[in-house]
Amino acid sequence: MSSPTAPTFTGTQAMTAYHYITTVQTDDGRLNTRDGILDVPAGFTRAACFGHLLSQLAEEYGTPLAVLYFALEPNALTPEAGQ
């Protein structure tokens, strides 16, 4: 993952897994919703993650894209969540 505003990182930095869900609409009206896991190094921002994901979608669908929904949450659940 790279972004002009994101810090650089080495393979030795700790990573945190985030689950994302995003829905975009293309210029011709097509809708795409997808989700996945994004492993993020310490120091990255929510904005850098959003930019990274949006650039992937733009490569696939072209621009402009309208973002209809975006969620980014840590993938790990707290122990209390299962009780």
C-alpha atoms as a PDB file:
ATOM      1  CA  MET A   1       0.000   0.000   0.000  1.00  0.00           C
ATOM      2  CA  SER A   2       1.461   3.364  -0.928  1.00  0.00           C
ATOM      3  CA  SER A   3       0.274   6.917  -0.942  1.00  0.00           C
ATOM      4  CA  PRO A   4       2.103  10.212  -1.404  1.00  0.00           C
ATOM      5  CA  THR A   5       0.910  11.353   2.036  1.00  0.00           C
ATOM      6  CA  ALA A   6       1.365   8.034   3.837  1.00  0.00           C
ATOM      7  CA  PRO A   7       4.517   7.210   5.760  1.00  0.00           C
ATOM      8  CA  THR A   8       6.888   4.661   4.317  1.00  0.00           C
ATOM      9  CA  PHE A   9       7.287   1.402   6.179  1.00  0.00           C
ATOM     10  CA  THR A  10       9.482  -1.636   6.351  1.00  0.00           C
ATOM     11  CA  GLY A  11       8.425  -5.243   6.678  1.00  0.00           C
ATOM     12  CA  THR A  12       9.385  -5.168  10.355  1.00  0.00           C
ATOM     13  CA  GLN A  13       6.668  -2.723  11.430  1.00  0.00           C
ATOM     14  CA  ALA A  14       3.568  -4.017  13.187  1.00  0.00           C
ATOM     15  CA  MET A  15       0.518  -4.399  10.982  1.00  0.00           C
ATOM     16  CA  THR A  16      -3.139  -4.136  11.985  1.00  0.00           C
ATOM     17  CA  ALA A  17      -5.870  -5.851   9.989  1.00  0.00           C
ATOM     18  CA  TYR A  18      -8.864  -3.655   9.095  1.00  0.00           C
ATOM     19  CA  HIS A  19     -12.101  -4.788   7.483  1.00  0.00           C
ATOM     20  CA  TYR A  20     -13.471  -2.388   4.885  1.00  0.00           C
ATOM     21  CA  ILE A  21     -16.747  -2.105   3.019  1.00  0.00           C
ATOM     22  CA  THR A  22     -17.143   0.332   0.175  1.00  0.00           C
ATOM     23  CA  THR A  23     -19.817   1.088  -2.413  1.00  0.00           C
ATOM     24  CA  VAL A  24     -19.107   3.219  -5.456  1.00  0.00           C
ATOM     25  CA  GLN A  25     -21.117   4.278  -8.478  1.00  0.00           C
ATOM     26  CA  THR A  26     -19.448   4.772 -11.843  1.00  0.00           C
ATOM     27  CA  ASP A  27     -20.096   7.602 -14.249  1.00  0.00           C
ATOM     28  CA  ASP A  28     -22.386   5.323 -16.291  1.00  0.00           C
ATOM     29  CA  GLY A  29     -24.442   4.301 -13.234  1.00  0.00           C
ATOM     30  CA  ARG A  30     -22.896   0.916 -12.390  1.00  0.00           C
ATOM     31  CA  LEU A  31     -22.766   0.084  -8.675  1.00  0.00           C
ATOM     32  CA  ASN A  32     -20.068  -1.942  -6.966  1.00  0.00           C
ATOM     33  CA  THR A  33     -19.954  -2.958  -3.317  1.00  0.00           C
ATOM     34  CA  ARG A  34     -17.001  -4.880  -1.992  1.00  0.00           C
ATOM     35  CA  ASP A  35     -15.359  -5.742   1.256  1.00  0.00           C
ATOM     36  CA  GLY A  36     -12.029  -7.125   2.307  1.00  0.00           C
ATOM     37  CA  ILE A  37      -9.187  -7.059   4.760  1.00  0.00           C
ATOM     38  CA  LEU A  38      -6.556  -4.343   4.543  1.00  0.00           C
ATOM     39  CA  ASP A  39      -3.330  -4.893   6.512  1.00  0.00           C
ATOM     40  CA  VAL A  40      -2.188  -1.451   7.611  1.00  0.00           C
ATOM     41  CA  PRO A  41       1.195  -0.524   9.113  1.00  0.00           C
ATOM     42  CA  ALA A  42       1.367   1.678  12.198  1.00  0.00           C
ATOM     43  CA  GLY A  43       1.191   5.378  11.359  1.00  0.00           C
ATOM     44  CA  PHE A  44      -1.181   5.126   8.411  1.00  0.00           C
ATOM     45  CA  THR A  45      -4.254   7.316   8.461  1.00  0.00           C
ATOM     46  CA  ARG A  46      -7.853   6.558   7.620  1.00  0.00           C
ATOM     47  CA  ALA A  47      -7.517   9.005   4.718  1.00  0.00           C
ATOM     48  CA  ALA A  48      -4.508   7.105   3.332  1.00  0.00           C
ATOM     49  CA  CYS A  49      -6.458   3.826   3.497  1.00  0.00           C
ATOM     50  CA  PHE A  50      -9.444   5.432   1.756  1.00  0.00           C
ATOM     51  CA  GLY A  51      -7.207   6.865  -0.964  1.00  0.00           C
ATOM     52  CA  HIS A  52      -5.536   3.506  -1.512  1.00  0.00           C
ATOM     53  CA  LEU A  53      -8.849   1.666  -1.864  1.00  0.00           C
ATOM     54  CA  LEU A  54     -10.357   4.369  -4.074  1.00  0.00           C
ATOM     55  CA  SER A  55      -7.339   4.298  -6.392  1.00  0.00           C
ATOM     56  CA  GLN A  56      -7.787   0.529  -6.830  1.00  0.00           C
ATOM     57  CA  LEU A  57     -11.448   1.022  -7.739  1.00  0.00           C
ATOM     58  CA  ALA A  58     -10.588   3.881 -10.103  1.00  0.00           C
ATOM     59  CA  GLU A  59      -8.095   1.629 -11.911  1.00  0.00           C
ATOM     60  CA  GLU A  60     -10.806  -0.981 -12.365  1.00  0.00           C
ATOM     61  CA  TYR A  61     -13.782   1.254 -13.200  1.00  0.00           C
ATOM     62  CA  GLY A  62     -12.279   4.546 -14.312  1.00  0.00           C
ATOM     63  CA  THR A  63     -13.131   7.970 -12.983  1.00  0.00           C
ATOM     64  CA  PRO A  64     -15.147   9.795 -11.866  1.00  0.00           C
ATOM     65  CA  LEU A  65     -16.485   7.552  -9.127  1.00  0.00           C
ATOM     66  CA  ALA A  66     -19.128   8.529  -6.606  1.00  0.00           C
ATOM     67  CA  VAL A  67     -18.467   7.008  -3.183  1.00  0.00           C
ATOM     68  CA  LEU A  68     -21.817   6.020  -1.730  1.00  0.00           C
ATOM     69  CA  TYR A  69     -20.528   4.203   1.350  1.00  0.00           C
ATOM     70  CA  PHE A  70     -17.193   3.631   3.100  1.00  0.00           C
ATOM     71  CA  ALA A  71     -16.485   1.859   6.391  1.00  0.00           C
ATOM     72  CA  LEU A  72     -13.117   0.924   7.888  1.00  0.00           C
ATOM     73  CA  GLU A  73     -12.951  -0.834  11.253  1.00  0.00           C
ATOM     74  CA  PRO A  74     -10.350  -2.948  13.040  1.00  0.00           C
ATOM     75  CA  ASN A  75     -10.963  -6.575  12.082  1.00  0.00           C
ATOM     76  CA  ALA A  76     -10.235  -7.959  15.556  1.00  0.00           C
ATOM     77  CA  LEU A  77     -13.169  -8.292  17.920  1.00  0.00           C
ATOM     78  CA  THR A  78     -12.754  -7.578  21.590  1.00  0.00           C
ATOM     79  CA  PRO A  79     -13.072 -10.582  23.957  1.00  0.00           C
ATOM     80  CA  GLU A  80     -16.204  -9.024  25.463  1.00  0.00           C
ATOM     81  CA  ALA A  81     -17.955  -9.050  22.071  1.00  0.00           C
ATOM     82  CA  GLY A  82     -18.401 -12.828  22.179  1.00  0.00           C
ATOM     83  CA  GLN A  83     -20.030 -12.896  25.607  1.00  0.00           C
END
